[in-house]
Amino acid sequence: MSRLTSTLSSTLSTAFMALSLSLLLACGGATEAPAADDVSRAARVALAVQSGVAEAEALKAEGLSAEQLDGMLYDIAADPAQSEAYATLLGR
């Protein structure tokens, strides 16, 4: 497994764990909902990576760093409506 694939796998695993935990806790305590555009961008990165595009390329196409994507995913996970929209875009 390449270093990039390993990093991507770790990042996606962390993101999905955060999403699941937020949904379970149903905290809904976010002071500001992430923009719908952020949900779409995060989903496009995930779908591109799932289809075999390198993580770095998928992030670059959306103008994001790995840290920005992580932040977006945590914000999305904190908002039940945005979490549902993200899951829908991923086909889950």
Protein backbone atom coordinates (compact mmCIF):
# COMPACT_ATOMS: atom_id res chain seq x y z
CA MET A 1 0.00 0.00 0.00
CA SER A 2 1.53 3.34 -1.00
CA ARG A 3 2.06 6.10 1.51
CA LEU A 4 -0.55 8.29 -0.20
CA THR A 5 -3.11 5.48 -0.19
CA SER A 6 -2.39 4.82 3.46
CA THR A 7 -2.76 8.52 4.30
CA LEU A 8 -6.00 8.73 2.34
CA SER A 9 -7.37 5.64 4.01
CA SER A 10 -6.52 7.05 7.43
CA THR A 11 -8.05 10.45 6.60
CA LEU A 12 -11.26 8.94 5.26
CA SER A 13 -11.53 6.53 8.18
CA THR A 14 -11.14 9.41 10.62
CA ALA A 15 -13.71 11.47 8.75
CA PHE A 16 -16.27 8.68 8.65
CA MET A 17 -15.70 7.92 12.34
CA ALA A 18 -16.27 11.58 13.18
CA LEU A 19 -19.41 11.63 11.07
CA SER A 20 -20.75 8.48 12.73
CA LEU A 21 -19.97 9.73 16.21
CA SER A 22 -21.69 13.03 15.55
CA LEU A 23 -24.76 11.32 14.23
CA LEU A 24 -24.87 9.04 17.26
CA LEU A 25 -24.47 11.90 19.69
CA ALA A 26 -26.82 14.15 17.72
CA CYS A 27 -25.09 17.08 19.31
CA GLY A 28 -26.34 19.66 16.84
CA GLY A 29 -24.34 22.25 18.79
CA ALA A 30 -22.57 23.85 15.87
CA THR A 31 -22.89 27.61 15.91
CA GLU A 32 -22.66 27.87 12.16
CA ALA A 33 -23.77 25.33 9.57
CA PRO A 34 -21.26 24.47 6.86
CA ALA A 35 -22.12 25.81 3.45
CA ALA A 36 -23.88 23.44 1.06
CA ASP A 37 -20.97 24.08 -1.29
CA ASP A 38 -18.60 22.64 1.34
CA VAL A 39 -20.72 19.49 1.48
CA SER A 40 -20.57 19.17 -2.31
CA ARG A 41 -16.82 19.79 -2.42
CA ALA A 42 -16.10 17.26 0.32
CA ALA A 43 -18.30 14.68 -1.39
CA ARG A 44 -16.61 15.28 -4.76
CA VAL A 45 -13.20 14.65 -3.17
CA ALA A 46 -14.42 11.44 -1.52
CA LEU A 47 -16.06 10.17 -4.70
CA ALA A 48 -12.99 10.97 -6.78
CA VAL A 49 -10.74 9.10 -4.38
CA GLN A 50 -13.13 6.15 -4.29
CA SER A 51 -12.97 6.02 -8.09
CA GLY A 52 -9.18 5.81 -8.05
CA VAL A 53 -8.06 9.43 -8.31
CA ALA A 54 -5.08 10.22 -6.10
CA GLU A 55 -5.99 12.13 -2.96
CA ALA A 56 -3.62 14.97 -3.79
CA GLU A 57 -5.19 15.36 -7.24
CA ALA A 58 -8.74 15.29 -5.87
CA LEU A 59 -7.88 17.89 -3.24
CA LYS A 60 -6.13 20.09 -5.80
CA ALA A 61 -9.14 19.92 -8.13
CA GLU A 62 -11.29 21.36 -5.33
CA GLY A 63 -8.64 23.85 -4.19
CA LEU A 64 -8.35 22.22 -0.77
CA SER A 65 -5.60 21.05 1.55
CA ALA A 66 -5.99 17.86 3.58
CA GLU A 67 -6.38 20.01 6.70
CA GLN A 68 -9.16 22.06 5.09
CA LEU A 69 -10.99 18.89 4.06
CA ASP A 70 -10.68 17.51 7.60
CA GLY A 71 -12.14 20.74 8.98
CA MET A 72 -14.99 20.64 6.49
CA LEU A 73 -15.78 17.03 7.37
CA TYR A 74 -15.88 17.81 11.10
CA ASP A 75 -18.20 20.76 10.44
CA ILE A 76 -20.42 18.59 8.27
CA ALA A 77 -20.48 15.87 10.92
CA ALA A 78 -21.61 18.39 13.52
CA ASP A 79 -24.74 19.27 11.54
CA PRO A 80 -27.33 16.49 11.08
CA ALA A 81 -28.84 18.00 7.92
CA GLN A 82 -25.44 18.49 6.31
CA SER A 83 -24.41 14.97 7.37
CA GLU A 84 -27.47 13.56 5.66
CA ALA A 85 -26.77 15.59 2.52
CA TYR A 86 -23.16 14.35 2.49
CA ALA A 87 -24.25 10.73 2.92
CA THR A 88 -26.79 11.14 0.11
CA LEU A 89 -24.16 12.55 -2.23
CA LEU A 90 -21.94 9.56 -1.44
CA GLY A 91 -24.82 7.18 -2.22
CA ARG A 92 -25.19 5.88 1.34
